[in-house]
Amino acid sequence: MDILDKLSIIESDAVPKEGARIENLSTSLKITHACGCVLVEHFACGTPTGVRKDEEPEKYERLQAERKYFVELCYAHNPE
């Protein structure tokens, strides 16, 4: 499962938003949901290199998401 799939699970209604803890980690923000899912967003991640203009935009979005986010799903929300 790639990072975009994990982000879609975190952003869905399946993960409870009430009771989430938010921590400021300098240039990152860590959100720990009540179920145990963790989302870390890095604000100083830069832009990915190595993507050419003739490549599809989805590849760029995936590379940017891998640099910008860290997602750890809890046991209940991890389909693997």
C-alpha atoms as a PDB file:
ATOM      1  CA  MET A   1       0.000   0.000   0.000  1.00  0.00           C
ATOM      2  CA  ASP A   2       1.489   3.348  -0.953  1.00  0.00           C
ATOM      3  CA  ILE A   3       1.352   6.613   0.955  1.00  0.00           C
ATOM      4  CA  LEU A   4      -1.564   8.036  -1.053  1.00  0.00           C
ATOM      5  CA  ASP A   5      -3.720   5.026  -0.120  1.00  0.00           C
ATOM      6  CA  LYS A   6      -2.823   5.458   3.544  1.00  0.00           C
ATOM      7  CA  LEU A   7      -3.626   9.184   3.360  1.00  0.00           C
ATOM      8  CA  SER A   8      -7.043   8.453   1.903  1.00  0.00           C
ATOM      9  CA  ILE A   9      -7.785   6.109   4.834  1.00  0.00           C
ATOM     10  CA  ILE A  10      -6.635   8.725   7.386  1.00  0.00           C
ATOM     11  CA  GLU A  11      -8.724  11.450   5.728  1.00  0.00           C
ATOM     12  CA  SER A  12     -11.832   9.251   5.478  1.00  0.00           C
ATOM     13  CA  ASP A  13     -14.593   9.036   8.062  1.00  0.00           C
ATOM     14  CA  ALA A  14     -13.298   5.595   9.106  1.00  0.00           C
ATOM     15  CA  VAL A  15     -10.628   7.166  11.335  1.00  0.00           C
ATOM     16  CA  PRO A  16     -12.158   9.012  14.309  1.00  0.00           C
ATOM     17  CA  LYS A  17     -11.152  12.679  14.457  1.00  0.00           C
ATOM     18  CA  GLU A  18     -12.395  13.324  18.012  1.00  0.00           C
ATOM     19  CA  GLY A  19      -9.816  12.874  20.740  1.00  0.00           C
ATOM     20  CA  ALA A  20      -6.823  13.280  18.452  1.00  0.00           C
ATOM     21  CA  ARG A  21      -3.572  14.601  19.965  1.00  0.00           C
ATOM     22  CA  ILE A  22      -1.691  17.229  17.983  1.00  0.00           C
ATOM     23  CA  GLU A  23       2.022  17.791  18.588  1.00  0.00           C
ATOM     24  CA  ASN A  24       4.238  20.486  17.102  1.00  0.00           C
ATOM     25  CA  LEU A  25       7.611  18.993  16.089  1.00  0.00           C
ATOM     26  CA  SER A  26       9.468  22.085  14.873  1.00  0.00           C
ATOM     27  CA  THR A  27       8.849  21.919  11.099  1.00  0.00           C
ATOM     28  CA  SER A  28       6.395  19.015  11.352  1.00  0.00           C
ATOM     29  CA  LEU A  29       2.967  18.381  12.803  1.00  0.00           C
ATOM     30  CA  LYS A  30       2.107  15.011  14.353  1.00  0.00           C
ATOM     31  CA  ILE A  31      -1.511  13.936  14.768  1.00  0.00           C
ATOM     32  CA  THR A  32      -2.187  10.798  16.788  1.00  0.00           C
ATOM     33  CA  HIS A  33      -5.799   9.703  16.432  1.00  0.00           C
ATOM     34  CA  ALA A  34      -7.702   7.991  19.248  1.00  0.00           C
ATOM     35  CA  CYS A  35      -7.596   4.646  17.395  1.00  0.00           C
ATOM     36  CA  GLY A  36      -3.799   4.740  17.139  1.00  0.00           C
ATOM     37  CA  CYS A  37      -3.345   5.948  13.549  1.00  0.00           C
ATOM     38  CA  VAL A  38      -0.515   8.486  13.219  1.00  0.00           C
ATOM     39  CA  LEU A  39      -0.095  11.199  10.586  1.00  0.00           C
ATOM     40  CA  VAL A  40       3.036  13.349  10.450  1.00  0.00           C
ATOM     41  CA  GLU A  41       3.136  16.226   7.959  1.00  0.00           C
ATOM     42  CA  HIS A  42       6.526  17.754   7.198  1.00  0.00           C
ATOM     43  CA  PHE A  43       6.379  21.397   6.112  1.00  0.00           C
ATOM     44  CA  ALA A  44      10.030  21.795   5.067  1.00  0.00           C
ATOM     45  CA  CYS A  45      10.252  18.805   2.738  1.00  0.00           C
ATOM     46  CA  GLY A  46      11.169  20.584  -0.492  1.00  0.00           C
ATOM     47  CA  THR A  47      10.188  19.289  -3.913  1.00  0.00           C
ATOM     48  CA  PRO A  48      11.121  15.949  -5.475  1.00  0.00           C
ATOM     49  CA  THR A  49      13.772  15.855  -8.165  1.00  0.00           C
ATOM     50  CA  GLY A  50      14.037  13.358 -10.948  1.00  0.00           C
ATOM     51  CA  VAL A  51      10.545  13.882 -12.365  1.00  0.00           C
ATOM     52  CA  ARG A  52      10.617  14.813 -16.010  1.00  0.00           C
ATOM     53  CA  LYS A  53       7.963  16.844 -17.808  1.00  0.00           C
ATOM     54  CA  ASP A  54       6.960  13.877 -19.982  1.00  0.00           C
ATOM     55  CA  GLU A  55       6.054  11.756 -16.935  1.00  0.00           C
ATOM     56  CA  GLU A  56       2.566  11.613 -15.563  1.00  0.00           C
ATOM     57  CA  PRO A  57       1.486  14.007 -12.786  1.00  0.00           C
ATOM     58  CA  GLU A  58       0.464  11.065 -10.585  1.00  0.00           C
ATOM     59  CA  LYS A  59       4.114  10.077 -10.177  1.00  0.00           C
ATOM     60  CA  TYR A  60       4.964  13.616  -9.031  1.00  0.00           C
ATOM     61  CA  GLU A  61       2.071  13.608  -6.548  1.00  0.00           C
ATOM     62  CA  ARG A  62       3.186  10.248  -5.158  1.00  0.00           C
ATOM     63  CA  LEU A  63       6.798  11.381  -4.758  1.00  0.00           C
ATOM     64  CA  GLN A  64       5.704  14.615  -3.085  1.00  0.00           C
ATOM     65  CA  ALA A  65       3.398  12.711  -0.718  1.00  0.00           C
ATOM     66  CA  GLU A  66       6.224  10.328   0.243  1.00  0.00           C
ATOM     67  CA  ARG A  67       8.411  13.296   1.151  1.00  0.00           C
ATOM     68  CA  LYS A  68       5.723  15.327   2.905  1.00  0.00           C
ATOM     69  CA  TYR A  69       3.844  12.702   4.935  1.00  0.00           C
ATOM     70  CA  PHE A  70       4.503   9.791   7.257  1.00  0.00           C
ATOM     71  CA  VAL A  71       1.453   7.628   7.940  1.00  0.00           C
ATOM     72  CA  GLU A  72       1.215   4.722  10.339  1.00  0.00           C
ATOM     73  CA  LEU A  73      -2.134   2.985  10.413  1.00  0.00           C
ATOM     74  CA  CYS A  74      -3.452   1.248  13.520  1.00  0.00           C
ATOM     75  CA  TYR A  75      -4.259  -2.453  13.527  1.00  0.00           C
ATOM     76  CA  ALA A  76      -7.973  -1.837  12.873  1.00  0.00           C
ATOM     77  CA  HIS A  77      -7.434   0.394   9.803  1.00  0.00           C
ATOM     78  CA  ASN A  78      -4.491  -1.428   8.194  1.00  0.00           C
ATOM     79  CA  PRO A  79      -5.952  -3.727   5.516  1.00  0.00           C
ATOM     80  CA  GLU A  80      -2.730  -5.769   5.195  1.00  0.00           C
END
